Protein backbone atom coordinates (compact mmCIF):
# COMPACT_ATOMS: atom_id res chain seq x y z
CA MET A 1 0.55 36.45 -45.10
CA LYS A 2 -1.32 34.06 -42.77
CA ASP A 3 -1.12 31.23 -45.12
CA LYS A 4 2.44 31.40 -45.52
CA ILE A 5 3.08 31.49 -41.61
CA LEU A 6 0.46 28.33 -41.53
CA ASN A 7 2.57 26.73 -44.36
CA PHE A 8 5.74 27.27 -42.14
CA LEU A 9 4.46 25.73 -39.05
CA ILE A 10 3.08 22.98 -40.75
CA ILE A 11 6.58 22.08 -42.56
CA PHE A 12 8.37 22.61 -39.43
CA LEU A 13 6.23 20.27 -37.37
CA LEU A 14 6.55 17.55 -40.18
CA THR A 15 10.34 17.83 -40.14
CA ILE A 16 10.23 17.47 -36.39
CA ILE A 17 8.26 14.25 -36.66
CA VAL A 18 10.44 12.87 -39.51
CA VAL A 19 13.56 13.38 -37.43
CA ASN A 20 12.16 11.66 -34.43
CA VAL A 21 10.83 8.86 -36.33
CA PHE A 22 13.90 8.11 -38.37
CA PHE A 23 16.92 9.42 -36.63
CA ASP A 24 16.04 9.08 -33.00
CA ASP A 25 18.68 7.50 -30.82
CA LYS A 26 16.97 4.71 -29.38
CA LYS A 27 19.71 4.87 -26.41
CA ASP A 28 17.82 7.71 -25.40
CA VAL A 29 14.40 6.17 -25.16
CA TRP A 30 15.98 3.41 -23.14
CA ASN A 31 17.53 5.94 -20.59
CA TRP A 32 14.00 7.59 -19.87
CA LEU A 33 12.68 4.01 -19.22
CA LEU A 34 15.32 3.85 -16.33
CA VAL A 35 13.89 5.97 -13.67
CA PHE A 36 15.97 6.90 -10.34
CA LYS A 37 14.14 8.70 -7.66
CA VAL A 38 14.33 9.27 -3.82
CA GLU A 39 11.28 7.89 -2.00
CA LYS A 40 10.28 10.84 -0.35
CA ASN A 41 10.70 14.56 -1.26
CA SER A 42 11.97 15.40 2.40
CA TYR A 43 12.86 13.58 5.63
CA THR A 44 13.30 14.90 8.98
CA ILE A 45 16.29 13.86 11.37
CA PRO A 46 17.23 11.27 11.82
CA ALA A 47 16.53 10.54 8.21
CA SER A 48 16.81 7.22 6.31
CA PRO A 49 16.63 7.95 2.56
CA VAL A 50 15.71 5.22 0.39
CA LEU A 51 16.82 5.42 -3.51
CA THR A 52 14.26 3.78 -5.69
CA ILE A 53 15.62 2.37 -8.97
CA THR A 54 12.77 1.48 -11.71
CA ASN A 55 13.57 -0.60 -14.75
CA ASN A 56 11.33 -0.47 -17.34
CA THR A 57 13.33 -1.74 -20.12
CA SER A 58 13.60 -5.41 -21.45
CA ASN A 59 17.14 -5.87 -20.29
CA ALA A 60 18.53 -6.35 -16.55
CA VAL A 61 20.72 -3.46 -15.48
CA LYS A 62 23.62 -3.63 -12.97
CA ILE A 63 24.57 -0.81 -10.82
CA ASN A 64 27.48 -0.35 -8.01
CA THR A 65 25.97 1.57 -4.90
CA CYS A 66 29.35 3.42 -4.59
CA LYS A 67 30.81 3.33 -7.99
CA ASP A 68 27.58 4.58 -9.77
CA ILE A 69 25.97 6.51 -7.19
CA SER A 70 27.18 9.48 -5.53
CA ILE A 71 25.52 11.54 -2.95
CA ASN A 72 26.54 15.48 -2.69
CA TYR A 73 25.63 17.76 0.01
CA SER A 74 26.94 21.35 -0.04
CA TRP A 75 29.45 20.39 -2.85
CA GLU A 76 30.72 17.69 -0.66
CA LYS A 77 30.48 13.84 -1.67
CA LEU A 78 29.29 11.55 1.05
CA VAL A 79 31.73 8.84 1.71
CA PHE A 80 30.26 5.59 2.60
CA PRO A 81 32.42 2.36 4.17
CA LYS A 82 33.15 -0.60 1.87
CA GLU A 83 30.76 -3.01 3.43
CA PHE A 84 27.95 -0.70 1.76
CA CYS A 85 29.45 -0.95 -1.56
CA SER A 86 27.75 -3.65 -3.66
CA ASP A 87 26.52 -4.67 -7.08
CA ILE A 88 22.75 -4.81 -7.52
CA GLU A 89 20.89 -6.21 -10.29
CA ILE A 90 17.48 -4.53 -11.40
CA LYS A 91 15.72 -7.07 -13.81
CA ALA A 92 13.61 -6.24 -16.55
CA ASN A 93 10.46 -4.47 -15.59
CA SER A 94 11.02 -4.58 -11.93
CA LYS A 95 11.97 -2.02 -9.19
CA GLU A 96 14.79 -2.03 -6.52
CA ASN A 97 15.81 -0.03 -3.53
CA VAL A 98 19.24 1.30 -2.28
CA ALA A 99 18.40 1.92 1.60
CA TYR A 100 20.66 4.24 3.75
CA ASN A 101 19.16 3.57 7.04
CA LYS A 102 22.13 2.18 8.61
CA TYR A 103 24.06 5.46 7.84
CA TYR A 104 21.65 7.89 9.14
CA GLU A 105 24.48 10.09 10.54
CA LYS A 106 25.68 10.62 7.05
CA PHE A 107 22.36 12.77 6.87
CA TRP A 108 22.91 14.74 9.96
CA ASN A 109 22.64 18.25 8.38
CA ILE A 110 19.38 19.90 7.06
CA GLY A 111 19.43 21.14 3.45
CA THR A 112 19.53 19.58 0.03
CA TYR A 113 21.02 16.23 -0.58
CA ASN A 114 21.74 15.22 -4.51
CA PHE A 115 21.85 12.04 -5.53
CA LEU A 116 23.97 11.51 -8.90
CA ILE A 117 23.94 8.57 -10.88
CA LYS A 118 26.49 7.80 -13.83
CA LEU A 119 25.38 4.69 -16.04
CA ASN A 120 26.37 3.90 -19.53
CA LYS A 121 27.80 7.49 -20.21
CA LYS A 122 24.51 8.95 -19.05
CA GLU A 123 23.92 10.92 -15.98
CA TYR A 124 20.79 11.11 -13.75
CA ILE A 125 19.92 13.51 -10.81
CA THR A 126 17.42 13.15 -8.06
CA GLN A 127 17.25 14.95 -4.74
CA THR A 128 15.71 15.11 -1.39
CA GLU A 129 15.59 17.68 1.51
CA ILE A 130 16.48 16.97 5.23
CA GLU A 131 14.60 18.92 7.88
CA ASN A 132 14.27 19.29 11.67
CA LYS A 133 11.15 17.97 13.16
CA GLY A 134 8.64 20.38 13.88
CA LEU A 135 7.48 21.61 17.56
CA PHE A 136 4.70 19.07 17.59
CA SER A 137 6.57 16.42 16.24
CA ARG A 138 9.47 16.90 18.87
CA LEU A 139 7.07 16.92 21.57
CA PHE A 140 5.47 13.63 20.29
CA VAL A 141 8.89 12.27 19.77
CA GLY A 142 10.14 13.20 23.29
CA LEU A 143 7.35 12.56 25.44
CA LEU A 144 5.92 9.40 23.98
CA TYR A 145 7.98 7.77 21.24
CA ALA A 146 11.29 8.03 22.73
CA PRO A 147 10.28 6.48 26.04
CA LEU A 148 8.38 3.77 24.52
CA TYR A 149 10.94 2.88 22.01
CA ASN A 150 13.58 2.60 24.63
CA LEU A 151 11.22 0.54 26.85
CA THR A 152 10.80 -1.96 23.62
CA VAL A 153 14.71 -1.91 23.27
CA PHE A 154 15.07 -2.80 26.91
CA PHE A 155 12.54 -5.70 26.72
CA LEU A 156 14.30 -6.99 23.65
CA LYS A 157 17.36 -7.19 25.47
CA LEU A 158 15.83 -8.75 28.51
CA PHE A 159 13.90 -11.35 26.71
CA ASP A 160 17.00 -12.49 24.30
CA ASN A 161 15.59 -10.26 21.44
CA SER A 162 12.32 -11.96 21.16
CA LEU A 163 9.86 -9.44 19.74
CA TRP A 164 6.79 -11.00 20.61
CA TRP A 165 7.77 -11.51 24.28
CA SER A 166 8.32 -7.69 24.36
CA ILE A 167 5.29 -7.04 22.47
CA ILE A 168 3.21 -9.10 25.12
CA THR A 169 4.92 -7.25 28.04
CA ILE A 170 4.39 -3.80 26.55
CA THR A 171 0.62 -4.72 25.85
CA ILE A 172 0.22 -5.76 29.65
CA ILE A 173 1.99 -2.72 31.04
CA ILE A 174 -0.32 -0.44 28.50
CA ARG A 175 -3.31 -2.26 29.98
CA MET A 176 -2.39 -1.69 33.56
CA PHE A 177 -1.75 2.04 32.84
CA LEU A 178 -5.31 2.08 31.37
CA LEU A 179 -6.57 -0.27 34.14
CA TYR A 180 -8.80 2.60 35.75
CA PRO A 181 -10.15 4.59 32.91
CA GLN A 182 -11.29 1.19 31.31
CA HIS A 183 -12.67 0.19 34.59
CA LYS A 184 -14.90 3.27 34.69
CA MET A 185 -15.92 3.00 31.16
CA MET A 186 -17.16 -0.49 31.79
CA LEU A 187 -19.13 0.56 34.79
CA SER A 188 -20.35 3.29 33.03
CA GLN A 189 -21.59 1.15 29.91
CA ARG A 190 -23.29 -1.12 32.20
CA LYS A 191 -25.06 1.51 33.90
CA LEU A 192 -26.32 3.00 30.70
CA GLN A 193 -27.60 -0.35 29.44
CA ALA A 194 -29.49 -0.44 33.05
CA ILE A 195 -31.17 2.75 32.21
CA GLN A 196 -32.22 2.02 28.72
CA PRO A 197 -36.14 1.84 29.58
CA LYS A 198 -35.87 5.52 31.12
CA ILE A 199 -34.06 6.75 28.02
CA LYS A 200 -36.58 5.33 25.71
CA GLU A 201 -39.33 6.82 27.72
CA ILE A 202 -37.68 10.18 27.36
CA GLN A 203 -37.08 9.97 23.76
CA ALA A 204 -40.68 8.88 23.02
CA LYS A 205 -41.99 11.82 25.22
CA TYR A 206 -39.83 14.59 23.67
CA LYS A 207 -39.01 13.30 20.22
CA TRP A 208 -40.72 16.30 18.63
CA ASN A 209 -38.51 18.70 20.89
CA SER A 210 -34.74 17.95 20.45
CA GLN A 211 -33.78 20.62 22.96
CA MET A 212 -36.02 19.30 25.82
CA LEU A 213 -34.86 15.75 24.81
CA TRP A 214 -31.25 16.96 25.39
CA VAL A 215 -31.92 18.51 28.80
CA GLU A 216 -33.74 15.78 30.05
CA MET A 217 -31.11 13.05 28.82
CA MET A 218 -28.59 15.21 30.85
CA LYS A 219 -30.62 15.42 33.85
CA LEU A 220 -31.22 11.53 33.52
CA TYR A 221 -27.39 11.01 33.43
CA LYS A 222 -26.67 12.99 36.43
CA ASP A 223 -29.46 11.71 38.43
CA GLU A 224 -28.30 7.95 37.90
CA ASN A 225 -24.56 9.04 37.90
CA VAL A 226 -23.98 7.81 34.42
CA ASN A 227 -21.33 9.40 32.28
CA PRO A 228 -22.00 8.24 28.55
CA PHE A 229 -18.51 10.28 27.29
CA TRP A 230 -16.20 7.79 29.21
CA SER A 231 -15.83 5.66 26.16
CA CYS A 232 -14.64 8.66 24.29
CA GLY A 233 -12.26 9.83 26.59
CA LEU A 234 -10.65 6.19 26.94
CA LEU A 235 -10.43 6.39 22.99
CA LEU A 236 -8.69 9.81 23.35
CA ILE A 237 -6.18 8.23 25.69
CA GLN A 238 -5.40 5.20 24.00
CA MET A 239 -5.19 6.33 20.24
CA PRO A 240 -1.87 8.39 20.83
CA ILE A 241 -0.33 5.17 22.77
CA LEU A 242 -1.57 2.82 20.06
CA LEU A 243 -0.09 5.07 17.40
CA VAL A 244 3.13 5.31 19.01
CA ILE A 245 3.38 1.46 19.58
CA TYR A 246 2.37 0.93 15.86
CA ASN A 247 5.07 3.13 14.58
CA ILE A 248 7.66 1.60 16.95
CA PHE A 249 7.00 -1.94 15.82
CA ILE A 250 6.48 -1.22 11.86
CA ASN A 251 9.89 0.44 12.05
CA ILE A 252 11.86 -1.76 14.66
CA LYS A 253 14.42 -2.59 12.06
CA ASP A 254 15.33 0.95 11.07
CA TYR A 255 18.73 1.99 12.02
CA ALA A 256 17.48 5.55 12.36
CA ASN A 257 15.69 4.56 15.38
CA VAL A 258 18.88 4.23 17.21
CA TYR A 259 19.37 8.02 17.41
CA TYR A 260 16.63 7.86 20.27
CA VAL A 261 18.18 4.88 22.28
CA TYR A 262 19.43 6.26 25.87
CA ASP A 263 22.84 6.03 26.81
CA PHE A 264 22.63 2.97 29.26
CA ILE A 265 21.42 0.73 26.65
CA TRP A 266 22.95 2.25 23.43
CA THR A 267 25.01 -1.21 22.61
CA TYR A 268 21.94 -2.81 20.92
CA ASN A 269 22.04 -4.63 17.24
CA LEU A 270 18.91 -4.38 15.64
CA ASP A 271 19.98 -6.98 13.07
CA ILE A 272 19.47 -9.82 15.95
CA ILE A 273 15.85 -9.10 16.67
CA TRP A 274 13.92 -12.68 16.57
CA HIS A 275 10.64 -11.85 15.23
CA ASP A 276 9.21 -15.49 15.08
CA PHE A 277 6.03 -16.32 16.70
CA PHE A 278 5.46 -19.98 16.41
CA GLY A 279 6.57 -20.39 12.78
CA ILE A 280 4.78 -16.86 11.99
CA ASP A 281 6.92 -13.81 10.81
CA LEU A 282 5.61 -11.03 12.94
CA LEU A 283 6.89 -8.32 10.66
CA TRP A 284 5.32 -9.91 7.54
CA ILE A 285 1.77 -9.72 5.91
CA TRP A 286 0.46 -12.97 4.45
CA TRP A 287 -3.17 -14.11 3.98
CA VAL A 288 -2.28 -17.76 5.99
CA THR A 289 -1.51 -15.73 8.84
CA TRP A 290 -4.39 -13.42 8.45
CA VAL A 291 -6.71 -16.45 8.59
CA LEU A 292 -5.27 -18.31 11.34
CA LEU A 293 -4.94 -15.36 13.70
CA GLY A 294 -7.89 -13.25 12.65
CA ILE A 295 -10.08 -16.45 13.21
CA PHE A 296 -8.98 -16.56 16.90
CA ILE A 297 -9.16 -12.60 17.45
CA ALA A 298 -12.67 -12.55 16.00
CA ILE A 299 -13.76 -15.54 18.56
CA ILE A 300 -12.31 -13.71 21.44
CA GLN A 301 -13.64 -10.32 20.49
CA TYR A 302 -16.91 -11.79 20.28
CA LEU A 303 -16.62 -13.14 23.71
CA GLN A 304 -15.53 -9.57 25.08
CA VAL A 305 -18.68 -7.93 23.35
CA LYS A 306 -20.85 -10.54 24.68
CA LEU A 307 -19.58 -10.22 28.20
CA SER A 308 -20.10 -6.43 27.92
CA LEU A 309 -23.92 -6.49 27.16
CA ALA A 310 -26.53 -6.68 29.72
CA LYS A 311 -29.21 -9.39 29.23
CA ASN A 312 -32.26 -7.98 27.47
CA ASP A 313 -35.37 -10.06 26.59
CA ASN A 314 -36.68 -7.32 24.60
CA LYS A 315 -37.06 -8.49 20.67
CA LYS A 316 -37.81 -5.19 19.32
CA ASP A 317 -35.16 -4.03 17.13
CA ILE A 318 -36.42 -0.96 15.36
CA VAL A 319 -38.79 2.04 16.28
CA LEU A 320 -40.95 3.08 13.45
CA GLU A 321 -41.65 7.03 13.93
CA LYS A 322 -44.35 9.04 11.99
CA LYS A 323 -44.04 12.96 11.94
CA LYS A 324 -47.51 14.64 12.71
CA ASP A 325 -46.83 17.21 10.08
CA SER A 326 -46.15 14.77 7.39
CA PRO A 327 -48.25 11.35 7.68
CA ASN A 328 -46.45 9.85 4.68
CA TYR A 329 -43.14 10.45 6.23
CA GLN A 330 -41.28 7.59 7.82
CA SER A 331 -37.87 7.64 9.86
CA PHE A 332 -36.41 4.73 11.46
CA MET A 333 -34.60 4.90 14.92
CA PRO A 334 -32.16 2.10 15.70
CA ASP A 335 -32.95 0.72 18.78
CA PRO A 336 -29.92 0.00 21.46
CA ASP A 337 -30.86 -3.81 21.10
CA MET A 338 -30.07 -3.43 17.43
CA MET A 339 -26.74 -1.83 18.02
CA ASN A 340 -25.87 -4.27 20.43
CA LYS A 341 -26.49 -7.17 17.92
CA PHE A 342 -24.26 -5.12 15.48
CA MET A 343 -21.51 -4.72 17.98
CA LEU A 344 -21.82 -8.53 19.13
CA TYR A 345 -21.73 -10.11 15.34
CA TRP A 346 -20.47 -7.52 12.90
CA LEU A 347 -17.87 -5.74 14.91
CA PRO A 348 -15.54 -9.08 15.10
CA ALA A 349 -15.96 -9.63 11.48
CA MET A 350 -15.17 -6.08 10.58
CA VAL A 351 -12.00 -6.38 12.63
CA TRP A 352 -11.00 -9.54 10.88
CA VAL A 353 -11.39 -7.91 7.61
CA PHE A 354 -9.87 -4.45 8.49
CA THR A 355 -6.73 -5.80 9.77
CA TYR A 356 -5.81 -8.09 6.77
CA SER A 357 -3.05 -5.15 5.68
CA LEU A 358 -1.49 -5.06 9.14
CA LEU A 359 1.51 -6.98 10.15
CA ALA A 360 1.14 -10.06 12.14
CA TRP A 361 2.40 -8.61 15.42
CA VAL A 362 -0.83 -6.49 15.66
CA TRP A 363 -2.68 -9.53 16.14
CA VAL A 364 -0.54 -10.73 19.05
CA TYR A 365 -1.27 -6.98 20.84
CA TRP A 366 -4.88 -7.19 20.02
CA TRP A 367 -5.03 -10.95 21.58
CA ILE A 368 -3.33 -9.90 25.01
CA SER A 369 -5.16 -6.70 24.97
CA THR A 370 -8.58 -8.37 24.20
CA ILE A 371 -7.74 -11.29 26.89
CA PHE A 372 -6.94 -8.70 29.73
CA THR A 373 -10.43 -6.77 28.41
CA ILE A 374 -12.37 -10.06 28.97
CA LEU A 375 -10.84 -10.65 32.60
CA GLN A 376 -11.71 -7.05 33.62
CA GLN A 377 -15.12 -7.37 32.22
CA LEU A 378 -15.90 -10.32 34.32
CA ILE A 379 -14.73 -8.77 37.63
CA VAL A 380 -17.08 -5.50 36.54
CA ASN A 381 -19.97 -7.83 35.87
CA LYS A 382 -19.75 -9.43 39.36
CA ILE A 383 -19.46 -5.80 40.68
CA VAL A 384 -22.47 -4.79 38.71
CA LYS A 385 -24.58 -8.06 39.80
CA LYS A 386 -23.80 -7.07 43.44
């Protein structure tokens, strides 16, 4: 009985293989090589869905954005204006996007939106969800994103749609807002550098007792009126602002952002934004741009770190320690001078390499911010010298 069942299964599988090899419809193979997919599984209002069409075949494919593609929500078909309807050609082994960012108002309701594509008597379907923002997102948008976006639009209108002038102005405003905490941080850093000899003495005295080391360090900071956590505090203030600015400019031409524009500046055309900076496209990533802008930012970053460091003639970079209980055990403790050298030489190089994948406008922001910091550091250095 078992042999009969096994023989039956073998014959059945062989039959399927033969049918697939000799009688398979080539059109079906072509169909699964044409892929339609909405860029994200879900969007939040205001939504800017993007339909991605991938052509893995050896032939070009032509699709009309209105005749061949329809979007249904709650059994109703969305209607788009004539200017949206056009023929697009997806070349062999390539990908094209159909963006609906100008028509975010069509995706105003929460729920499931079905994208139905009819092509060569075949149907394809994909879908996405439209959701409301969560509480945290609404607070983030209402308190930070929307005000800063409207400020950006205001300066774009003020400076005749010049993106780089808007970036410069917004950077200066942010630096003015951070002027006091930055000043406190710089003073704290210089005071911290000045008491390094006392810190080394405490570290040497209590290197086998971490609890006493912590207590004595806190006592030293209190007696010298130094707050080593000022830099962390400034970072916590800056990060949300920088995150908002980055999201605003990276999506500056997304029409869904019009949703956040206040009434008094409602009449604004995103298509006329001028994002050229002396021949460099601020909304573009290119290796030539990275080299040209990166070299300059690395130089001024070096100057900024150089000015922030106190002069120190101590040439000793590493303290080598041995534990009493293990004479063969050795551990290295980085000396502050070693850390200073790292900040001075490696930080500018790391900044240059790290920002390779960022849009060119980030460099303009970084320039202005670093130059502002250099000027402020010169003032702090004079105060400390007195």
